[in-house]
Amino acid sequence: MNRKTQNQNTSLASWIFFVLMIISLLLLTSCLEYREELWLENDLSGRVNFDIGLPMSTDMEDEEILDLSIVSLCDSVEGIDVNVYNTYILDNNTWIHVELSFENILLLNEIENKWFGKFYILDEKDSRTLKRLITMSDTISVRSGQIANVLKYAMLGQYSWIYTMHFPDELYEVNAHIARTDTLSNTAVWEYNLASLINEQKTMMGRYRQRSGLNRFFQNIFK
């Protein structure tokens, strides 16, 4: 094979890869936006509500929502209950809404597709640290490389994944943006674009006061 033919084949292969990447990314954007709100109690039980936004109106029955991978996998873990699942329309988009309750937040680690990432708990004398590692690499895979990265951020960088967490007691330290941290309600919000979550890992961390049961009792009385 001469050099000219080799260059032509290389250019053709690059063009084919470019087209395939566009097609792949368009397919990947079938589920684009995500909103999650999690409430944690002192005994590590709690609940989490999440909404998945679809880019076009999609009619789904309750049975179809229940059959979704994330919903069925959550429902299969003992100690996690799927309490609500439905759809609603907002701004011409279809949103899937799910509400879960859990006996211990570490049970979310047992969900097979790692949708909620990985939670870690560190107990100290008067405080507790919650760390959460999240990435979409287990759910969405995009080939690496300069062209792939450009396309990835062009196609997926505009979509937000928002995580809101309500801690059970006074926040000492949190790595969320200061403008999105409310120490009065002990709430923090992390927001990432979808492109940054693909094949990358993010860390969410919050350290909060851990009071004895009696201290919490008097704190609630004199709020």
N, C-alpha and C. Protein backbone atom coordinates (compact mmCIF):
# COMPACT_ATOMS: atom_id res chain seq x y z
N MET A 1 0.85 -1.20 0.00
CA MET A 1 0.00 0.00 0.00
C MET A 1 0.88 1.25 0.00
N ASN A 2 0.64 2.16 -0.96
CA ASN A 2 1.46 3.37 -1.02
C ASN A 2 0.99 4.37 0.03
N ARG A 3 1.83 5.42 0.21
CA ARG A 3 1.54 6.40 1.26
C ARG A 3 0.24 7.15 1.01
N LYS A 4 -0.04 7.48 -0.27
CA LYS A 4 -1.25 8.23 -0.60
C LYS A 4 -2.49 7.42 -0.23
N THR A 5 -2.49 6.14 -0.60
CA THR A 5 -3.63 5.29 -0.28
C THR A 5 -3.79 5.12 1.22
N GLN A 6 -2.64 5.00 1.91
CA GLN A 6 -2.68 4.86 3.36
C GLN A 6 -3.27 6.10 4.02
N ASN A 7 -2.89 7.30 3.53
CA ASN A 7 -3.43 8.55 4.08
C ASN A 7 -4.93 8.66 3.82
N GLN A 8 -5.36 8.23 2.62
CA GLN A 8 -6.78 8.28 2.29
C GLN A 8 -7.58 7.36 3.21
N ASN A 9 -7.02 6.17 3.46
CA ASN A 9 -7.70 5.23 4.35
C ASN A 9 -7.77 5.76 5.78
N THR A 10 -6.70 6.43 6.19
CA THR A 10 -6.67 7.02 7.54
C THR A 10 -7.71 8.12 7.66
N SER A 11 -7.82 8.96 6.62
CA SER A 11 -8.80 10.04 6.63
C SER A 11 -10.22 9.49 6.62
N LEU A 12 -10.43 8.43 5.83
CA LEU A 12 -11.75 7.81 5.78
C LEU A 12 -12.12 7.20 7.12
N ALA A 13 -11.14 6.55 7.76
CA ALA A 13 -11.39 5.95 9.06
C ALA A 13 -11.73 7.02 10.10
N SER A 14 -11.01 8.15 10.04
CA SER A 14 -11.28 9.25 10.97
C SER A 14 -12.67 9.82 10.75
N TRP A 15 -13.05 9.95 9.48
CA TRP A 15 -14.38 10.49 9.16
C TRP A 15 -15.47 9.55 9.64
N ILE A 16 -15.27 8.24 9.42
CA ILE A 16 -16.25 7.25 9.86
C ILE A 16 -16.37 7.28 11.38
N PHE A 17 -15.21 7.39 12.07
CA PHE A 17 -15.23 7.45 13.52
C PHE A 17 -15.97 8.70 14.00
N PHE A 18 -15.74 9.82 13.31
CA PHE A 18 -16.41 11.08 13.65
C PHE A 18 -17.93 10.93 13.55
N VAL A 19 -18.38 10.33 12.44
CA VAL A 19 -19.83 10.14 12.24
C VAL A 19 -20.39 9.19 13.28
N LEU A 20 -19.68 8.10 13.56
CA LEU A 20 -20.15 7.13 14.54
C LEU A 20 -20.22 7.75 15.94
N MET A 21 -19.27 8.63 16.23
CA MET A 21 -19.28 9.30 17.54
C MET A 21 -20.51 10.18 17.69
N ILE A 22 -20.85 10.90 16.63
CA ILE A 22 -22.05 11.76 16.67
C ILE A 22 -23.28 10.90 16.90
N ILE A 23 -23.38 9.80 16.15
CA ILE A 23 -24.54 8.92 16.29
C ILE A 23 -24.59 8.35 17.71
N SER A 24 -23.43 7.92 18.21
CA SER A 24 -23.38 7.35 19.55
C SER A 24 -23.80 8.35 20.61
N LEU A 25 -23.30 9.59 20.48
CA LEU A 25 -23.63 10.61 21.47
C LEU A 25 -25.10 10.99 21.41
N LEU A 26 -25.66 11.00 20.21
CA LEU A 26 -27.08 11.28 20.09
C LEU A 26 -27.91 10.19 20.78
N LEU A 27 -27.45 8.96 20.66
CA LEU A 27 -28.14 7.87 21.33
C LEU A 27 -27.98 7.96 22.83
N LEU A 28 -26.81 8.39 23.27
CA LEU A 28 -26.55 8.49 24.70
C LEU A 28 -27.40 9.56 25.36
N THR A 29 -27.83 10.54 24.60
CA THR A 29 -28.57 11.65 25.18
C THR A 29 -30.04 11.35 25.36
N SER A 30 -30.42 10.06 25.29
CA SER A 30 -31.82 9.70 25.53
C SER A 30 -32.24 10.03 26.96
N CYS A 31 -31.30 10.09 27.89
CA CYS A 31 -31.57 10.52 29.26
C CYS A 31 -30.53 11.57 29.62
N LEU A 32 -30.97 12.83 29.76
CA LEU A 32 -30.00 13.91 29.78
C LEU A 32 -29.83 14.59 31.13
N GLU A 33 -30.92 14.79 31.83
CA GLU A 33 -30.82 15.61 33.04
C GLU A 33 -31.24 14.82 34.27
N TYR A 34 -30.70 15.24 35.40
CA TYR A 34 -30.93 14.49 36.63
C TYR A 34 -31.01 15.46 37.80
N ARG A 35 -32.01 15.26 38.65
CA ARG A 35 -32.18 16.05 39.86
C ARG A 35 -32.36 15.08 41.02
N GLU A 36 -31.57 15.26 42.05
CA GLU A 36 -31.67 14.35 43.20
C GLU A 36 -31.70 15.15 44.49
N GLU A 37 -32.54 14.72 45.43
CA GLU A 37 -32.60 15.34 46.75
C GLU A 37 -32.63 14.23 47.79
N LEU A 38 -31.66 14.29 48.72
CA LEU A 38 -31.48 13.22 49.70
C LEU A 38 -31.56 13.80 51.11
N TRP A 39 -32.34 13.14 51.96
CA TRP A 39 -32.47 13.52 53.37
C TRP A 39 -31.86 12.41 54.22
N LEU A 40 -30.90 12.76 55.07
CA LEU A 40 -30.21 11.78 55.91
C LEU A 40 -30.58 12.02 57.37
N GLU A 41 -30.87 10.93 58.09
CA GLU A 41 -31.16 11.01 59.51
C GLU A 41 -29.91 10.62 60.32
N ASN A 42 -29.96 10.88 61.63
CA ASN A 42 -28.81 10.58 62.48
C ASN A 42 -28.47 9.10 62.54
N ASP A 43 -29.48 8.24 62.37
CA ASP A 43 -29.22 6.80 62.42
C ASP A 43 -28.84 6.25 61.05
N LEU A 44 -28.58 7.15 60.09
CA LEU A 44 -28.16 6.83 58.72
C LEU A 44 -29.30 6.31 57.84
N SER A 45 -30.52 6.29 58.36
CA SER A 45 -31.67 6.02 57.50
C SER A 45 -32.01 7.30 56.76
N GLY A 46 -32.94 7.23 55.84
CA GLY A 46 -33.33 8.44 55.13
C GLY A 46 -34.15 8.14 53.89
N ARG A 47 -34.21 9.12 53.04
CA ARG A 47 -34.97 8.98 51.80
C ARG A 47 -34.30 9.79 50.70
N VAL A 48 -34.58 9.41 49.48
CA VAL A 48 -34.02 10.12 48.34
C VAL A 48 -35.06 10.18 47.24
N ASN A 49 -35.26 11.37 46.71
CA ASN A 49 -36.12 11.58 45.55
C ASN A 49 -35.25 11.94 44.36
N PHE A 50 -35.53 11.36 43.21
CA PHE A 50 -34.78 11.77 42.03
C PHE A 50 -35.68 11.84 40.81
N ASP A 51 -35.30 12.73 39.89
CA ASP A 51 -36.03 12.96 38.66
C ASP A 51 -35.08 12.85 37.48
N ILE A 52 -35.46 12.07 36.49
CA ILE A 52 -34.68 11.90 35.28
C ILE A 52 -35.41 12.59 34.14
N GLY A 53 -34.77 13.55 33.49
CA GLY A 53 -35.40 14.30 32.42
C GLY A 53 -35.09 13.73 31.05
N LEU A 54 -36.13 13.54 30.26
CA LEU A 54 -35.98 13.05 28.89
C LEU A 54 -36.15 14.21 27.92
N PRO A 55 -35.43 14.23 26.81
CA PRO A 55 -35.42 15.39 25.91
C PRO A 55 -36.67 15.57 25.07
N MET A 56 -37.59 14.61 25.11
CA MET A 56 -38.82 14.76 24.35
C MET A 56 -39.94 14.07 25.12
N SER A 57 -41.18 14.45 24.84
CA SER A 57 -42.32 13.87 25.54
C SER A 57 -42.38 12.38 25.28
N THR A 58 -42.48 11.64 26.36
CA THR A 58 -42.52 10.18 26.28
C THR A 58 -43.62 9.68 27.20
N ASP A 59 -44.54 8.95 26.65
CA ASP A 59 -45.62 8.38 27.46
C ASP A 59 -45.14 7.07 28.07
N MET A 60 -45.21 6.98 29.38
CA MET A 60 -44.78 5.76 30.07
C MET A 60 -45.82 5.36 31.10
N GLU A 61 -46.14 4.09 31.12
CA GLU A 61 -47.04 3.56 32.13
C GLU A 61 -46.24 3.24 33.40
N ASP A 62 -46.97 3.10 34.52
CA ASP A 62 -46.29 2.79 35.78
C ASP A 62 -45.47 1.52 35.69
N GLU A 63 -46.00 0.51 34.98
CA GLU A 63 -45.28 -0.76 34.86
C GLU A 63 -43.97 -0.56 34.11
N GLU A 64 -43.97 0.33 33.11
CA GLU A 64 -42.75 0.59 32.35
C GLU A 64 -41.71 1.31 33.21
N ILE A 65 -42.16 2.23 34.06
CA ILE A 65 -41.24 2.93 34.95
C ILE A 65 -40.63 1.95 35.94
N LEU A 66 -41.47 1.07 36.49
CA LEU A 66 -40.98 0.10 37.46
C LEU A 66 -39.95 -0.83 36.84
N ASP A 67 -40.07 -1.07 35.54
CA ASP A 67 -39.13 -1.96 34.85
C ASP A 67 -37.81 -1.28 34.50
N LEU A 68 -37.73 0.05 34.67
CA LEU A 68 -36.48 0.74 34.39
C LEU A 68 -35.36 0.14 35.25
N SER A 69 -34.18 0.08 34.68
CA SER A 69 -33.06 -0.56 35.37
C SER A 69 -32.85 0.00 36.77
N ILE A 70 -32.76 1.33 36.89
CA ILE A 70 -32.45 1.93 38.18
C ILE A 70 -33.54 1.65 39.20
N VAL A 71 -34.82 1.69 38.79
CA VAL A 71 -35.92 1.47 39.71
C VAL A 71 -35.98 0.02 40.15
N SER A 72 -35.88 -0.90 39.20
CA SER A 72 -35.95 -2.32 39.55
C SER A 72 -34.76 -2.74 40.39
N LEU A 73 -33.57 -2.18 40.13
CA LEU A 73 -32.39 -2.53 40.92
C LEU A 73 -32.50 -2.01 42.35
N CYS A 74 -33.05 -0.81 42.50
CA CYS A 74 -33.27 -0.27 43.86
C CYS A 74 -34.25 -1.14 44.62
N ASP A 75 -35.31 -1.54 43.95
CA ASP A 75 -36.36 -2.32 44.59
C ASP A 75 -35.89 -3.71 44.97
N SER A 76 -34.80 -4.16 44.37
CA SER A 76 -34.31 -5.51 44.64
C SER A 76 -33.39 -5.59 45.86
N VAL A 77 -32.99 -4.44 46.42
CA VAL A 77 -32.10 -4.43 47.59
C VAL A 77 -32.93 -4.41 48.86
N GLU A 78 -32.72 -5.38 49.73
CA GLU A 78 -33.44 -5.43 50.99
C GLU A 78 -33.03 -4.25 51.87
N GLY A 79 -34.02 -3.51 52.37
CA GLY A 79 -33.74 -2.32 53.17
C GLY A 79 -33.94 -1.04 52.39
N ILE A 80 -34.19 -1.16 51.07
CA ILE A 80 -34.53 -0.02 50.23
C ILE A 80 -35.93 -0.24 49.67
N ASP A 81 -36.79 0.75 49.82
CA ASP A 81 -38.16 0.64 49.33
C ASP A 81 -38.43 1.72 48.29
N VAL A 82 -38.99 1.33 47.16
CA VAL A 82 -39.46 2.28 46.14
C VAL A 82 -40.89 2.64 46.51
N ASN A 83 -41.10 3.88 46.93
CA ASN A 83 -42.41 4.30 47.43
C ASN A 83 -43.27 4.98 46.38
N VAL A 84 -42.63 5.71 45.45
CA VAL A 84 -43.37 6.46 44.43
C VAL A 84 -42.61 6.38 43.12
N TYR A 85 -43.32 6.20 42.01
CA TYR A 85 -42.72 6.33 40.68
C TYR A 85 -43.82 6.75 39.72
N ASN A 86 -43.56 7.86 39.02
CA ASN A 86 -44.52 8.38 38.05
C ASN A 86 -43.81 9.31 37.07
N THR A 87 -44.57 9.89 36.17
CA THR A 87 -44.00 10.85 35.21
C THR A 87 -44.79 12.15 35.26
N TYR A 88 -44.13 13.23 34.84
CA TYR A 88 -44.81 14.51 34.69
C TYR A 88 -44.17 15.27 33.54
N ILE A 89 -44.87 16.24 33.02
CA ILE A 89 -44.38 17.05 31.90
C ILE A 89 -43.99 18.43 32.41
N LEU A 90 -42.79 18.87 32.06
CA LEU A 90 -42.32 20.20 32.44
C LEU A 90 -41.51 20.77 31.28
N ASP A 91 -41.90 21.94 30.79
CA ASP A 91 -41.20 22.60 29.69
C ASP A 91 -41.05 21.68 28.48
N ASN A 92 -42.13 20.99 28.16
CA ASN A 92 -42.18 20.09 26.99
C ASN A 92 -41.25 18.90 27.10
N ASN A 93 -40.76 18.63 28.29
CA ASN A 93 -39.94 17.45 28.54
C ASN A 93 -40.67 16.51 29.47
N THR A 94 -40.39 15.24 29.33
CA THR A 94 -40.94 14.23 30.24
C THR A 94 -39.94 13.95 31.34
N TRP A 95 -40.43 13.98 32.59
CA TRP A 95 -39.58 13.68 33.74
C TRP A 95 -40.11 12.45 34.44
N ILE A 96 -39.20 11.53 34.76
CA ILE A 96 -39.53 10.35 35.55
C ILE A 96 -39.18 10.66 37.00
N HIS A 97 -40.16 10.53 37.88
CA HIS A 97 -39.98 10.87 39.29
C HIS A 97 -40.02 9.60 40.13
N VAL A 98 -39.03 9.44 41.01
CA VAL A 98 -38.94 8.25 41.87
C VAL A 98 -38.62 8.70 43.29
N GLU A 99 -39.27 8.07 44.26
CA GLU A 99 -39.00 8.33 45.67
C GLU A 99 -38.65 7.02 46.37
N LEU A 100 -37.50 7.02 47.06
CA LEU A 100 -37.03 5.84 47.77
C LEU A 100 -36.87 6.15 49.25
N SER A 101 -36.95 5.13 50.08
CA SER A 101 -36.54 5.24 51.48
C SER A 101 -35.54 4.11 51.75
N PHE A 102 -34.61 4.38 52.65
CA PHE A 102 -33.59 3.38 52.95
C PHE A 102 -33.35 3.29 54.45
N GLU A 103 -33.03 2.09 54.91
CA GLU A 103 -32.76 1.87 56.33
C GLU A 103 -31.37 2.33 56.72
N ASN A 104 -30.45 2.31 55.77
CA ASN A 104 -29.08 2.76 55.99
C ASN A 104 -28.54 3.25 54.65
N ILE A 105 -27.94 4.43 54.65
CA ILE A 105 -27.48 5.02 53.39
C ILE A 105 -26.45 4.14 52.68
N LEU A 106 -25.73 3.32 53.44
CA LEU A 106 -24.73 2.45 52.82
C LEU A 106 -25.37 1.35 51.97
N LEU A 107 -26.66 1.12 52.15
CA LEU A 107 -27.37 0.16 51.29
C LEU A 107 -27.40 0.62 49.85
N LEU A 108 -27.29 1.93 49.62
CA LEU A 108 -27.27 2.44 48.25
C LEU A 108 -26.03 1.95 47.50
N ASN A 109 -24.99 1.55 48.24
CA ASN A 109 -23.79 1.00 47.61
C ASN A 109 -24.05 -0.35 46.97
N GLU A 110 -25.13 -1.02 47.40
CA GLU A 110 -25.41 -2.37 46.92
C GLU A 110 -26.20 -2.40 45.61
N ILE A 111 -26.63 -1.23 45.15
CA ILE A 111 -27.37 -1.19 43.88
C ILE A 111 -26.40 -1.52 42.75
N GLU A 112 -26.78 -2.47 41.93
CA GLU A 112 -25.85 -3.11 41.01
C GLU A 112 -25.20 -2.15 40.02
N ASN A 113 -25.95 -1.21 39.47
CA ASN A 113 -25.37 -0.36 38.42
C ASN A 113 -24.69 0.90 38.97
N LYS A 114 -24.55 0.99 40.32
CA LYS A 114 -23.82 2.10 40.96
C LYS A 114 -24.36 3.47 40.57
N TRP A 115 -25.66 3.55 40.36
CA TRP A 115 -26.27 4.82 39.96
C TRP A 115 -26.01 5.92 40.98
N PHE A 116 -26.01 5.57 42.26
CA PHE A 116 -25.81 6.56 43.32
C PHE A 116 -24.34 6.69 43.72
N GLY A 117 -23.46 6.00 43.03
CA GLY A 117 -22.05 6.07 43.35
C GLY A 117 -21.71 5.21 44.55
N LYS A 118 -20.73 5.69 45.33
CA LYS A 118 -20.24 4.94 46.49
C LYS A 118 -20.20 5.86 47.69
N PHE A 119 -20.84 5.43 48.79
CA PHE A 119 -20.88 6.21 50.03
C PHE A 119 -19.90 5.64 51.05
N TYR A 120 -19.28 6.56 51.81
CA TYR A 120 -18.38 6.17 52.90
C TYR A 120 -18.75 6.99 54.13
N ILE A 121 -18.70 6.34 55.29
CA ILE A 121 -18.99 7.01 56.56
C ILE A 121 -17.77 6.91 57.47
N LEU A 122 -17.37 8.06 58.03
CA LEU A 122 -16.28 8.09 59.00
C LEU A 122 -16.79 8.74 60.28
N ASP A 123 -16.84 7.98 61.36
CA ASP A 123 -17.28 8.50 62.66
C ASP A 123 -16.10 8.93 63.49
N GLU A 124 -16.21 10.13 64.05
CA GLU A 124 -15.22 10.65 64.98
C GLU A 124 -15.92 10.93 66.31
N LYS A 125 -15.21 11.54 67.23
CA LYS A 125 -15.76 11.71 68.58
C LYS A 125 -17.06 12.49 68.57
N ASP A 126 -17.06 13.66 67.96
CA ASP A 126 -18.26 14.51 67.98
C ASP A 126 -18.76 14.86 66.58
N SER A 127 -18.25 14.15 65.59
CA SER A 127 -18.67 14.48 64.23
C SER A 127 -18.70 13.23 63.36
N ARG A 128 -19.34 13.36 62.24
CA ARG A 128 -19.40 12.28 61.26
C ARG A 128 -19.15 12.87 59.88
N THR A 129 -18.36 12.19 59.09
CA THR A 129 -18.07 12.63 57.73
C THR A 129 -18.71 11.66 56.75
N LEU A 130 -19.44 12.23 55.82
CA LEU A 130 -20.02 11.46 54.73
C LEU A 130 -19.30 11.82 53.44
N LYS A 131 -18.77 10.82 52.78
CA LYS A 131 -18.11 11.03 51.49
C LYS A 131 -18.83 10.21 50.43
N ARG A 132 -19.00 10.80 49.28
CA ARG A 132 -19.69 10.11 48.18
C ARG A 132 -18.89 10.30 46.89
N LEU A 133 -18.59 9.22 46.24
CA LEU A 133 -17.90 9.25 44.96
C LEU A 133 -18.89 8.92 43.86
N ILE A 134 -18.96 9.77 42.85
CA ILE A 134 -19.92 9.54 41.76
C ILE A 134 -19.22 9.65 40.41
N THR A 135 -19.70 8.86 39.47
CA THR A 135 -19.25 8.92 38.09
C THR A 135 -20.29 8.20 37.24
N MET A 136 -20.40 8.59 36.00
CA MET A 136 -21.30 7.91 35.09
C MET A 136 -20.57 6.90 34.23
N SER A 137 -19.32 6.62 34.52
CA SER A 137 -18.55 5.70 33.69
C SER A 137 -19.11 4.29 33.75
N ASP A 138 -19.81 3.94 34.85
CA ASP A 138 -20.42 2.62 34.94
C ASP A 138 -21.71 2.54 34.13
N THR A 139 -22.28 3.71 33.81
CA THR A 139 -23.56 3.74 33.12
C THR A 139 -23.41 4.16 31.66
N ILE A 140 -22.54 5.14 31.42
CA ILE A 140 -22.33 5.66 30.07
C ILE A 140 -20.85 5.59 29.75
N SER A 141 -20.49 5.03 28.61
CA SER A 141 -19.09 4.93 28.22
C SER A 141 -18.88 5.63 26.89
N VAL A 142 -17.95 6.56 26.88
CA VAL A 142 -17.61 7.28 25.65
C VAL A 142 -16.12 7.09 25.39
N ARG A 143 -15.77 6.75 24.16
CA ARG A 143 -14.38 6.52 23.81
C ARG A 143 -13.53 7.76 24.06
N SER A 144 -12.34 7.54 24.59
CA SER A 144 -11.45 8.67 24.87
C SER A 144 -10.73 9.09 23.60
N GLY A 145 -10.10 10.25 23.64
CA GLY A 145 -9.41 10.79 22.47
C GLY A 145 -9.83 12.22 22.24
N GLN A 146 -9.05 12.96 21.48
CA GLN A 146 -9.29 14.39 21.31
C GLN A 146 -10.64 14.65 20.67
N ILE A 147 -10.94 13.94 19.55
CA ILE A 147 -12.22 14.16 18.87
C ILE A 147 -13.38 13.77 19.78
N ALA A 148 -13.24 12.62 20.45
CA ALA A 148 -14.30 12.15 21.33
C ALA A 148 -14.57 13.15 22.45
N ASN A 149 -13.51 13.70 23.05
CA ASN A 149 -13.69 14.65 24.14
C ASN A 149 -14.36 15.94 23.67
N VAL A 150 -13.99 16.41 22.50
CA VAL A 150 -14.63 17.62 21.95
C VAL A 150 -16.11 17.38 21.75
N LEU A 151 -16.45 16.24 21.15
CA LEU A 151 -17.85 15.91 20.91
C LEU A 151 -18.59 15.70 22.22
N LYS A 152 -17.94 15.05 23.16
CA LYS A 152 -18.57 14.77 24.44
C LYS A 152 -19.00 16.07 25.13
N TYR A 153 -18.08 17.04 25.20
CA TYR A 153 -18.42 18.29 25.87
C TYR A 153 -19.38 19.15 25.05
N ALA A 154 -19.28 19.06 23.73
CA ALA A 154 -20.20 19.82 22.88
C ALA A 154 -21.63 19.31 23.02
N MET A 155 -21.79 18.00 23.09
CA MET A 155 -23.11 17.39 23.11
C MET A 155 -23.69 17.30 24.53
N LEU A 156 -22.86 17.00 25.51
CA LEU A 156 -23.35 16.68 26.84
C LEU A 156 -23.03 17.73 27.90
N GLY A 157 -22.17 18.68 27.56
CA GLY A 157 -21.76 19.67 28.55
C GLY A 157 -22.85 20.62 28.98
N GLN A 158 -23.94 20.69 28.21
CA GLN A 158 -25.02 21.63 28.53
C GLN A 158 -26.05 21.06 29.51
N TYR A 159 -25.93 19.78 29.83
CA TYR A 159 -26.94 19.14 30.66
C TYR A 159 -26.46 19.03 32.10
N SER A 160 -27.32 19.43 33.04
CA SER A 160 -26.93 19.50 34.46
C SER A 160 -27.41 18.29 35.23
N TRP A 161 -26.54 17.83 36.12
CA TRP A 161 -26.89 16.80 37.10
C TRP A 161 -26.72 17.45 38.47
N ILE A 162 -27.82 17.55 39.21
CA ILE A 162 -27.83 18.32 40.46
C ILE A 162 -28.14 17.39 41.63
N TYR A 163 -27.28 17.48 42.66
CA TYR A 163 -27.43 16.65 43.86
C TYR A 163 -27.63 17.58 45.06
N THR A 164 -28.74 17.43 45.75
CA THR A 164 -29.02 18.20 46.96
C THR A 164 -29.05 17.25 48.15
N MET A 165 -28.35 17.63 49.21
CA MET A 165 -28.30 16.76 50.37
C MET A 165 -28.62 17.53 51.64
N HIS A 166 -29.53 16.97 52.44
CA HIS A 166 -29.91 17.55 53.73
C HIS A 166 -29.25 16.72 54.83
N PHE A 167 -28.33 17.33 55.55
CA PHE A 167 -27.63 16.65 56.62
C PHE A 167 -28.44 16.73 57.92
N PRO A 168 -28.26 15.77 58.83
CA PRO A 168 -29.11 15.73 60.03
C PRO A 168 -28.71 16.68 61.14
N ASP A 169 -27.53 17.31 61.02
CA ASP A 169 -27.08 18.19 62.10
C ASP A 169 -26.14 19.25 61.53
N GLU A 170 -25.62 20.08 62.40
CA GLU A 170 -24.81 21.23 62.02
C GLU A 170 -23.61 20.85 61.14
N LEU A 171 -23.49 21.53 60.01
CA LEU A 171 -22.39 21.26 59.09
C LEU A 171 -21.12 21.95 59.57
N TYR A 172 -20.04 21.17 59.68
CA TYR A 172 -18.73 21.74 59.97
C TYR A 172 -18.00 22.11 58.69
N GLU A 173 -18.07 21.21 57.74
CA GLU A 173 -17.25 21.34 56.54
C GLU A 173 -17.98 20.66 55.38
N VAL A 174 -17.91 21.28 54.21
CA VAL A 174 -18.54 20.70 53.03
C VAL A 174 -17.78 21.19 51.80
N ASN A 175 -17.65 20.36 50.78
CA ASN A 175 -16.91 20.78 49.60
C ASN A 175 -17.81 21.27 48.47
N ALA A 176 -19.09 21.51 48.77
CA ALA A 176 -19.96 22.17 47.80
C ALA A 176 -19.60 23.65 47.74
N HIS A 177 -20.01 24.31 46.66
CA HIS A 177 -19.74 25.74 46.52
C HIS A 177 -20.39 26.50 47.67
N ILE A 178 -19.70 27.49 48.19
CA ILE A 178 -20.19 28.23 49.35
C ILE A 178 -21.55 28.88 49.08
N ALA A 179 -21.78 29.29 47.83
CA ALA A 179 -23.05 29.92 47.49
C ALA A 179 -24.20 28.91 47.48
N ARG A 180 -23.87 27.64 47.48
CA ARG A 180 -24.90 26.60 47.42
C ARG A 180 -24.88 25.75 48.70
N THR A 181 -24.37 26.36 49.76
CA THR A 181 -24.35 25.71 51.06
C THR A 181 -25.15 26.55 52.05
N ASP A 182 -26.15 25.95 52.68
CA ASP A 182 -27.00 26.65 53.64
C ASP A 182 -26.76 26.03 55.02
N THR A 183 -26.02 26.72 55.86
CA THR A 183 -25.70 26.19 57.18
C THR A 183 -26.89 26.30 58.15
N LEU A 184 -27.88 27.11 57.81
CA LEU A 184 -29.06 27.21 58.67
C LEU A 184 -29.92 25.96 58.55
N SER A 185 -30.04 25.44 57.33
CA SER A 185 -30.83 24.23 57.11
C SER A 185 -29.95 22.99 56.93
N ASN A 186 -28.63 23.19 57.04
CA ASN A 186 -27.67 22.08 56.88
C ASN A 186 -27.85 21.36 55.54
N THR A 187 -27.91 22.17 54.50
CA THR A 187 -28.16 21.65 53.16
C THR A 187 -27.03 22.09 52.23
N ALA A 188 -26.61 21.19 51.35
CA ALA A 188 -25.59 21.51 50.36
C ALA A 188 -26.02 20.99 49.00
N VAL A 189 -25.60 21.71 47.95
CA VAL A 189 -25.98 21.36 46.58
C VAL A 189 -24.71 21.26 45.73
N TRP A 190 -24.60 20.17 45.01
CA TRP A 190 -23.50 19.98 44.05
C TRP A 190 -24.10 19.90 42.66
N GLU A 191 -23.50 20.61 41.71
CA GLU A 191 -24.01 20.57 40.33
C GLU A 191 -22.85 20.30 39.37
N TYR A 192 -23.06 19.35 38.48
CA TYR A 192 -22.05 18.98 37.48
C TYR A 192 -22.73 18.90 36.12
N ASN A 193 -21.96 19.16 35.06
CA ASN A 193 -22.52 18.88 33.75
C ASN A 193 -22.25 17.42 33.42
N LEU A 194 -23.12 16.85 32.61
CA LEU A 194 -23.07 15.41 32.34
C LEU A 194 -21.74 15.00 31.73
N ALA A 195 -21.17 15.85 30.87
CA ALA A 195 -19.90 15.51 30.22
C ALA A 195 -18.80 15.28 31.25
N SER A 196 -18.79 16.10 32.30
CA SER A 196 -17.73 15.98 33.31
C SER A 196 -17.86 14.72 34.15
N LEU A 197 -19.05 14.12 34.15
CA LEU A 197 -19.27 12.91 34.93
C LEU A 197 -18.93 11.64 34.17
N ILE A 198 -18.77 11.77 32.84
CA ILE A 198 -18.48 10.58 32.03
C ILE A 198 -16.98 10.31 32.08
N ASN A 199 -16.65 9.14 32.56
CA ASN A 199 -15.25 8.70 32.68
C ASN A 199 -14.42 9.57 33.62
N GLU A 200 -15.09 10.33 34.47
CA GLU A 200 -14.42 11.10 35.51
C GLU A 200 -15.14 10.84 36.83
N GLN A 201 -14.43 10.99 37.91
CA GLN A 201 -15.01 10.76 39.24
C GLN A 201 -15.06 12.07 40.02
N LYS A 202 -16.21 12.32 40.64
CA LYS A 202 -16.40 13.50 41.48
C LYS A 202 -16.57 13.05 42.93
N THR A 203 -16.13 13.91 43.84
CA THR A 203 -16.25 13.62 45.27
C THR A 203 -17.14 14.66 45.93
N MET A 204 -18.15 14.18 46.63
CA MET A 204 -19.01 15.03 47.44
C MET A 204 -18.73 14.69 48.90
N MET A 205 -18.52 15.72 49.73
CA MET A 205 -18.13 15.47 51.11
C MET A 205 -18.81 16.46 52.04
N GLY A 206 -19.29 15.94 53.17
CA GLY A 206 -19.85 16.79 54.21
C GLY A 206 -19.53 16.24 55.58
N ARG A 207 -19.07 17.11 56.47
CA ARG A 207 -18.77 16.72 57.85
C ARG A 207 -19.72 17.49 58.76
N TYR A 208 -20.42 16.74 59.61
CA TYR A 208 -21.43 17.39 60.44
C TYR A 208 -21.34 16.90 61.88
N ARG A 209 -21.93 17.71 62.78
CA ARG A 209 -21.91 17.39 64.21
C ARG A 209 -22.71 16.11 64.49
N GLN A 210 -22.18 15.29 65.35
CA GLN A 210 -22.87 14.07 65.76
C GLN A 210 -23.16 14.17 67.24
N ARG A 211 -24.39 14.49 67.58
CA ARG A 211 -24.77 14.68 68.98
C ARG A 211 -25.35 13.38 69.55
N SER A 212 -25.35 13.29 70.85
CA SER A 212 -26.03 12.17 71.50
C SER A 212 -27.53 12.36 71.37
N GLY A 213 -28.28 11.32 71.59
CA GLY A 213 -29.74 11.40 71.48
C GLY A 213 -30.33 12.45 72.40
N LEU A 214 -29.81 12.58 73.63
CA LEU A 214 -30.33 13.57 74.59
C LEU A 214 -30.04 14.98 74.11
N ASN A 215 -28.83 15.21 73.59
CA ASN A 215 -28.48 16.54 73.08
C ASN A 215 -29.38 16.93 71.92
N ARG A 216 -29.68 15.97 71.04
CA ARG A 216 -30.57 16.26 69.91
C ARG A 216 -31.97 16.60 70.39
N PHE A 217 -32.40 15.92 71.46
CA PHE A 217 -33.74 16.15 72.02
C PHE A 217 -33.88 17.59 72.49
N PHE A 218 -32.90 18.07 73.29
CA PHE A 218 -32.97 19.44 73.81
C PHE A 218 -32.77 20.47 72.70
N GLN A 219 -31.94 20.10 71.71
CA GLN A 219 -31.74 21.03 70.59
C GLN A 219 -33.04 21.27 69.84
N ASN A 220 -33.84 20.24 69.64
CA ASN A 220 -35.09 20.37 68.92
C ASN A 220 -36.12 21.16 69.72
N ILE A 221 -36.06 21.01 71.06
CA ILE A 221 -37.00 21.76 71.90
C ILE A 221 -36.74 23.26 71.85
N PHE A 222 -35.44 23.64 71.89
CA PHE A 222 -35.08 25.05 72.01
C PHE A 222 -34.67 25.69 70.71
N LYS A 223 -35.10 25.11 69.59
CA LYS A 223 -34.79 25.71 68.27
C LYS A 223 -35.45 27.07 68.15
